[in-house]
Amino acid sequence: MDLKKFRAKAAGKKKELTRFLKKFDKIVPDDLHEIVAVTDATVWRDIDCTTCANCCKTMTPTFTPKDITRISAHLGMKPKAFKEKWLEKEEDTGDWVNVSQPCQFLVNDKCSIYEVRPADCAEFPHHNKKPFDDYNDTFTNNLIHCPATLTLVERLQKALKKEYQGYD
């Protein structure tokens, strides 16, 4: 994955695709869930996350108490020591997040704790969230971090332009 090329493309398309996603605040096709599922399946035939890891390089997951317990046990640490070493509590949300980026568990563009990774990571890029239109802000944010999300939104825009008025 050429991340430099992706970042340039994402920056150039973000405004247009954000406008498109905002249309879901007013117009939601009845079959949006099906359109998203079919379109998303095409995305994963073309995008391989293991060649990217941009999310791990530019974002931090939220670590739930269960994540902290599971990961610290996997690493042979106490949860308190795990938090002290790698996490910080966000003041505004109270969420536990990485102190720094890229993620400390990213080694050679692969997750070194993949089998016990945080739930937030396991669910990323959240394309399966329902109803899709409730997550416009998530997808808008992820446009510049995730090639799969950028591709999904581009393809949805194209599909909906053909099928529905109001999306052109």
C-alpha atoms as a PDB file:
ATOM      1  CA  MET A   1       0.000   0.000   0.000  1.00  0.00           C
ATOM      2  CA  ASP A   2       1.381   3.355  -1.027  1.00  0.00           C
ATOM      3  CA  LEU A   3       0.324   5.443   1.982  1.00  0.00           C
ATOM      4  CA  LYS A   4       1.688   8.683   0.550  1.00  0.00           C
ATOM      5  CA  LYS A   5      -0.527   8.264  -2.505  1.00  0.00           C
ATOM      6  CA  PHE A   6      -3.495   7.265  -0.332  1.00  0.00           C
ATOM      7  CA  ARG A   7      -3.089  10.309   1.932  1.00  0.00           C
ATOM      8  CA  ALA A   8      -2.964  12.659  -1.054  1.00  0.00           C
ATOM      9  CA  LYS A   9      -6.062  11.070  -2.584  1.00  0.00           C
ATOM     10  CA  ALA A  10      -7.930  11.110   0.739  1.00  0.00           C
ATOM     11  CA  ALA A  11      -7.096  14.762   1.336  1.00  0.00           C
ATOM     12  CA  GLY A  12      -8.352  15.645  -2.141  1.00  0.00           C
ATOM     13  CA  LYS A  13     -11.598  13.685  -1.809  1.00  0.00           C
ATOM     14  CA  LYS A  14     -12.452  14.318   1.859  1.00  0.00           C
ATOM     15  CA  LYS A  15     -14.617  17.404   1.329  1.00  0.00           C
ATOM     16  CA  GLU A  16     -16.670  15.830  -1.475  1.00  0.00           C
ATOM     17  CA  LEU A  17     -17.127  12.513   0.335  1.00  0.00           C
ATOM     18  CA  THR A  18     -18.007  14.250   3.599  1.00  0.00           C
ATOM     19  CA  ARG A  19     -20.761  16.156   1.767  1.00  0.00           C
ATOM     20  CA  PHE A  20     -21.990  12.842   0.366  1.00  0.00           C
ATOM     21  CA  LEU A  21     -22.076  11.181   3.809  1.00  0.00           C
ATOM     22  CA  LYS A  22     -23.926  14.185   5.282  1.00  0.00           C
ATOM     23  CA  LYS A  23     -26.770  13.509   2.827  1.00  0.00           C
ATOM     24  CA  PHE A  24     -27.612  10.469   4.948  1.00  0.00           C
ATOM     25  CA  ASP A  25     -28.727  12.935   7.617  1.00  0.00           C
ATOM     26  CA  LYS A  26     -31.688  13.791   5.346  1.00  0.00           C
ATOM     27  CA  ILE A  27     -32.109  11.014   2.773  1.00  0.00           C
ATOM     28  CA  VAL A  28     -31.678   7.345   3.654  1.00  0.00           C
ATOM     29  CA  PRO A  29     -32.589   4.756   1.031  1.00  0.00           C
ATOM     30  CA  ASP A  30     -34.692   1.928   2.464  1.00  0.00           C
ATOM     31  CA  ASP A  31     -32.194  -0.618   1.177  1.00  0.00           C
ATOM     32  CA  LEU A  32     -29.069   1.213   2.353  1.00  0.00           C
ATOM     33  CA  HIS A  33     -28.003  -1.701   4.564  1.00  0.00           C
ATOM     34  CA  GLU A  34     -28.045  -4.077   1.575  1.00  0.00           C
ATOM     35  CA  ILE A  35     -26.243  -1.585  -0.676  1.00  0.00           C
ATOM     36  CA  VAL A  36     -23.541  -1.105   1.966  1.00  0.00           C
ATOM     37  CA  ALA A  37     -23.116  -4.876   2.466  1.00  0.00           C
ATOM     38  CA  VAL A  38     -22.778  -5.584  -1.265  1.00  0.00           C
ATOM     39  CA  THR A  39     -20.445  -2.631  -1.824  1.00  0.00           C
ATOM     40  CA  ASP A  40     -18.331  -3.443   1.226  1.00  0.00           C
ATOM     41  CA  ALA A  41     -17.787  -6.993  -0.047  1.00  0.00           C
ATOM     42  CA  THR A  42     -16.209  -5.534  -3.208  1.00  0.00           C
ATOM     43  CA  VAL A  43     -13.935  -3.331  -1.085  1.00  0.00           C
ATOM     44  CA  TRP A  44     -12.385  -6.285   0.744  1.00  0.00           C
ATOM     45  CA  ARG A  45     -11.580  -8.022  -2.528  1.00  0.00           C
ATOM     46  CA  ASP A  46      -9.390  -5.013  -3.387  1.00  0.00           C
ATOM     47  CA  ILE A  47      -8.023  -3.839  -0.027  1.00  0.00           C
ATOM     48  CA  ASP A  48      -5.669  -5.839   2.187  1.00  0.00           C
ATOM     49  CA  CYS A  49      -5.259  -4.313   5.638  1.00  0.00           C
ATOM     50  CA  THR A  50      -2.061  -6.250   6.229  1.00  0.00           C
ATOM     51  CA  THR A  51      -0.322  -4.123   3.583  1.00  0.00           C
ATOM     52  CA  CYS A  52      -1.354  -0.851   5.209  1.00  0.00           C
ATOM     53  CA  ALA A  53      -1.578  -0.517   9.014  1.00  0.00           C
ATOM     54  CA  ASN A  54      -2.279   3.207   8.619  1.00  0.00           C
ATOM     55  CA  CYS A  55      -4.896   3.021  11.373  1.00  0.00           C
ATOM     56  CA  CYS A  56      -2.227   1.733  13.778  1.00  0.00           C
ATOM     57  CA  LYS A  57       0.140   4.477  12.665  1.00  0.00           C
ATOM     58  CA  THR A  58      -2.251   7.426  12.876  1.00  0.00           C
ATOM     59  CA  MET A  59      -5.039   6.545  15.347  1.00  0.00           C
ATOM     60  CA  THR A  60      -5.467   5.058  18.795  1.00  0.00           C
ATOM     61  CA  PRO A  61      -8.100   2.576  19.845  1.00  0.00           C
ATOM     62  CA  THR A  62     -10.126   2.954  22.992  1.00  0.00           C
ATOM     63  CA  PHE A  63      -9.098   0.290  25.502  1.00  0.00           C
ATOM     64  CA  THR A  64     -12.032  -1.063  27.529  1.00  0.00           C
ATOM     65  CA  PRO A  65     -11.463  -2.526  31.006  1.00  0.00           C
ATOM     66  CA  LYS A  66     -11.881  -6.007  29.459  1.00  0.00           C
ATOM     67  CA  ASP A  67      -9.262  -5.162  26.803  1.00  0.00           C
ATOM     68  CA  ILE A  68      -6.824  -3.965  29.461  1.00  0.00           C
ATOM     69  CA  THR A  69      -7.303  -7.098  31.559  1.00  0.00           C
ATOM     70  CA  ARG A  70      -6.981  -9.448  28.564  1.00  0.00           C
ATOM     71  CA  ILE A  71      -3.963  -7.746  26.974  1.00  0.00           C
ATOM     72  CA  SER A  72      -2.066  -7.242  30.228  1.00  0.00           C
ATOM     73  CA  ALA A  73      -2.571 -10.933  31.129  1.00  0.00           C
ATOM     74  CA  HIS A  74      -1.320 -11.901  27.674  1.00  0.00           C
ATOM     75  CA  LEU A  75       1.789  -9.801  28.270  1.00  0.00           C
ATOM     76  CA  GLY A  76       2.279 -11.139  31.797  1.00  0.00           C
ATOM     77  CA  MET A  77       1.606  -7.753  33.376  1.00  0.00           C
ATOM     78  CA  LYS A  78      -0.786  -6.368  35.937  1.00  0.00           C
ATOM     79  CA  PRO A  79      -3.454  -4.061  34.445  1.00  0.00           C
ATOM     80  CA  LYS A  80      -2.115  -1.127  36.497  1.00  0.00           C
ATOM     81  CA  ALA A  81       1.410  -1.591  35.131  1.00  0.00           C
ATOM     82  CA  PHE A  82       0.039  -1.954  31.585  1.00  0.00           C
ATOM     83  CA  LYS A  83      -1.852   1.339  31.864  1.00  0.00           C
ATOM     84  CA  GLU A  84       1.130   3.116  33.427  1.00  0.00           C
ATOM     85  CA  LYS A  85       3.455   1.935  30.679  1.00  0.00           C
ATOM     86  CA  TRP A  86       1.339   2.517  27.566  1.00  0.00           C
ATOM     87  CA  LEU A  87      -1.975   4.253  28.178  1.00  0.00           C
ATOM     88  CA  GLU A  88      -3.435   7.540  29.275  1.00  0.00           C
ATOM     89  CA  LYS A  89      -6.935   8.479  30.314  1.00  0.00           C
ATOM     90  CA  GLU A  90      -8.558  11.122  28.121  1.00  0.00           C
ATOM     91  CA  GLU A  91      -9.828  14.002  30.225  1.00  0.00           C
ATOM     92  CA  ASP A  92     -12.964  14.712  28.208  1.00  0.00           C
ATOM     93  CA  THR A  93     -14.198  11.105  27.757  1.00  0.00           C
ATOM     94  CA  GLY A  94     -12.462   9.125  30.477  1.00  0.00           C
ATOM     95  CA  ASP A  95     -11.409   6.599  27.802  1.00  0.00           C
ATOM     96  CA  TRP A  96      -8.076   4.777  27.986  1.00  0.00           C
ATOM     97  CA  VAL A  97      -6.013   5.370  24.821  1.00  0.00           C
ATOM     98  CA  ASN A  98      -2.413   4.960  23.656  1.00  0.00           C
ATOM     99  CA  VAL A  99       0.051   7.535  24.920  1.00  0.00           C
ATOM    100  CA  SER A 100       1.797   7.706  21.563  1.00  0.00           C
ATOM    101  CA  GLN A 101       1.471   6.791  17.925  1.00  0.00           C
ATOM    102  CA  PRO A 102       2.184   4.643  16.094  1.00  0.00           C
ATOM    103  CA  CYS A 103       0.713   1.978  18.321  1.00  0.00           C
ATOM    104  CA  GLN A 104       3.316   0.342  20.536  1.00  0.00           C
ATOM    105  CA  PHE A 105       2.077  -3.086  19.437  1.00  0.00           C
ATOM    106  CA  LEU A 106       2.717  -2.426  15.729  1.00  0.00           C
ATOM    107  CA  VAL A 107       5.800  -4.391  14.695  1.00  0.00           C
ATOM    108  CA  ASN A 108       6.839  -4.534  11.025  1.00  0.00           C
ATOM    109  CA  ASP A 109       3.369  -3.245  10.046  1.00  0.00           C
ATOM    110  CA  LYS A 110       1.671  -6.125  11.903  1.00  0.00           C
ATOM    111  CA  CYS A 111      -0.138  -6.218  15.234  1.00  0.00           C
ATOM    112  CA  SER A 112       1.993  -8.098  17.735  1.00  0.00           C
ATOM    113  CA  ILE A 113      -1.046  -8.755  19.961  1.00  0.00           C
ATOM    114  CA  TYR A 114      -3.518  -9.477  17.174  1.00  0.00           C
ATOM    115  CA  GLU A 115      -5.171 -12.441  18.924  1.00  0.00           C
ATOM    116  CA  VAL A 116      -5.944 -10.288  21.996  1.00  0.00           C
ATOM    117  CA  ARG A 117      -6.153  -6.846  20.371  1.00  0.00           C
ATOM    118  CA  PRO A 118      -8.642  -4.249  21.670  1.00  0.00           C
ATOM    119  CA  ALA A 119     -12.268  -4.667  20.601  1.00  0.00           C
ATOM    120  CA  ASP A 120     -12.052  -1.254  18.930  1.00  0.00           C
ATOM    121  CA  CYS A 121      -9.291  -2.595  16.668  1.00  0.00           C
ATOM    122  CA  ALA A 122     -11.156  -5.830  15.950  1.00  0.00           C
ATOM    123  CA  GLU A 123     -14.207  -3.855  14.812  1.00  0.00           C
ATOM    124  CA  PHE A 124     -12.282  -1.284  12.753  1.00  0.00           C
ATOM    125  CA  PRO A 125     -13.132   0.207  10.244  1.00  0.00           C
ATOM    126  CA  HIS A 126     -16.690  -0.248  11.540  1.00  0.00           C
ATOM    127  CA  HIS A 127     -18.302  -0.783   8.131  1.00  0.00           C
ATOM    128  CA  ASN A 128     -20.722  -3.282   9.647  1.00  0.00           C
ATOM    129  CA  LYS A 129     -22.231  -0.778  12.120  1.00  0.00           C
ATOM    130  CA  LYS A 130     -26.010  -0.487  11.824  1.00  0.00           C
ATOM    131  CA  PRO A 131     -27.721   1.588  10.854  1.00  0.00           C
ATOM    132  CA  PHE A 132     -24.912   2.772   8.620  1.00  0.00           C
ATOM    133  CA  ASP A 133     -26.173   6.364   8.490  1.00  0.00           C
ATOM    134  CA  ASP A 134     -25.837   6.713  12.281  1.00  0.00           C
ATOM    135  CA  TYR A 135     -22.050   6.510  11.877  1.00  0.00           C
ATOM    136  CA  ASN A 136     -21.466   9.345   9.377  1.00  0.00           C
ATOM    137  CA  ASP A 137     -19.034  11.061  11.743  1.00  0.00           C
ATOM    138  CA  THR A 138     -17.044   7.842  12.179  1.00  0.00           C
ATOM    139  CA  PHE A 139     -16.757   7.303   8.433  1.00  0.00           C
ATOM    140  CA  THR A 140     -15.968  10.959   7.803  1.00  0.00           C
ATOM    141  CA  ASN A 141     -13.106  10.743  10.305  1.00  0.00           C
ATOM    142  CA  ASN A 142     -11.863   7.449   8.875  1.00  0.00           C
ATOM    143  CA  LEU A 143     -11.716   8.712   5.274  1.00  0.00           C
ATOM    144  CA  ILE A 144      -8.190  10.039   5.857  1.00  0.00           C
ATOM    145  CA  HIS A 145      -7.029   7.053   7.922  1.00  0.00           C
ATOM    146  CA  CYS A 146      -8.404   4.008   6.129  1.00  0.00           C
ATOM    147  CA  PRO A 147      -8.135   3.114   2.444  1.00  0.00           C
ATOM    148  CA  ALA A 148     -11.006   0.644   2.864  1.00  0.00           C
ATOM    149  CA  THR A 149     -13.322   3.369   4.183  1.00  0.00           C
ATOM    150  CA  LEU A 150     -12.291   5.776   1.442  1.00  0.00           C
ATOM    151  CA  THR A 151     -12.969   3.090  -1.162  1.00  0.00           C
ATOM    152  CA  LEU A 152     -16.304   2.115   0.396  1.00  0.00           C
ATOM    153  CA  VAL A 153     -17.588   5.688   0.486  1.00  0.00           C
ATOM    154  CA  GLU A 154     -16.407   6.366  -3.079  1.00  0.00           C
ATOM    155  CA  ARG A 155     -18.195   3.239  -4.295  1.00  0.00           C
ATOM    156  CA  LEU A 156     -21.348   4.026  -2.331  1.00  0.00           C
ATOM    157  CA  GLN A 157     -21.398   7.498  -3.825  1.00  0.00           C
ATOM    158  CA  LYS A 158     -21.132   6.045  -7.322  1.00  0.00           C
ATOM    159  CA  ALA A 159     -23.796   3.394  -6.679  1.00  0.00           C
ATOM    160  CA  LEU A 160     -26.248   5.826  -5.131  1.00  0.00           C
ATOM    161  CA  LYS A 161     -25.777   8.425  -7.869  1.00  0.00           C
ATOM    162  CA  LYS A 162     -27.042   5.827 -10.352  1.00  0.00           C
ATOM    163  CA  GLU A 163     -29.957   4.606  -8.254  1.00  0.00           C
ATOM    164  CA  TYR A 164     -31.280   7.591  -6.317  1.00  0.00           C
ATOM    165  CA  GLN A 165     -32.006  11.229  -6.890  1.00  0.00           C
ATOM    166  CA  GLY A 166     -30.458  13.598  -4.381  1.00  0.00           C
ATOM    167  CA  TYR A 167     -27.085  11.850  -4.400  1.00  0.00           C
ATOM    168  CA  ASP A 168     -25.604  13.531  -7.442  1.00  0.00           C
END
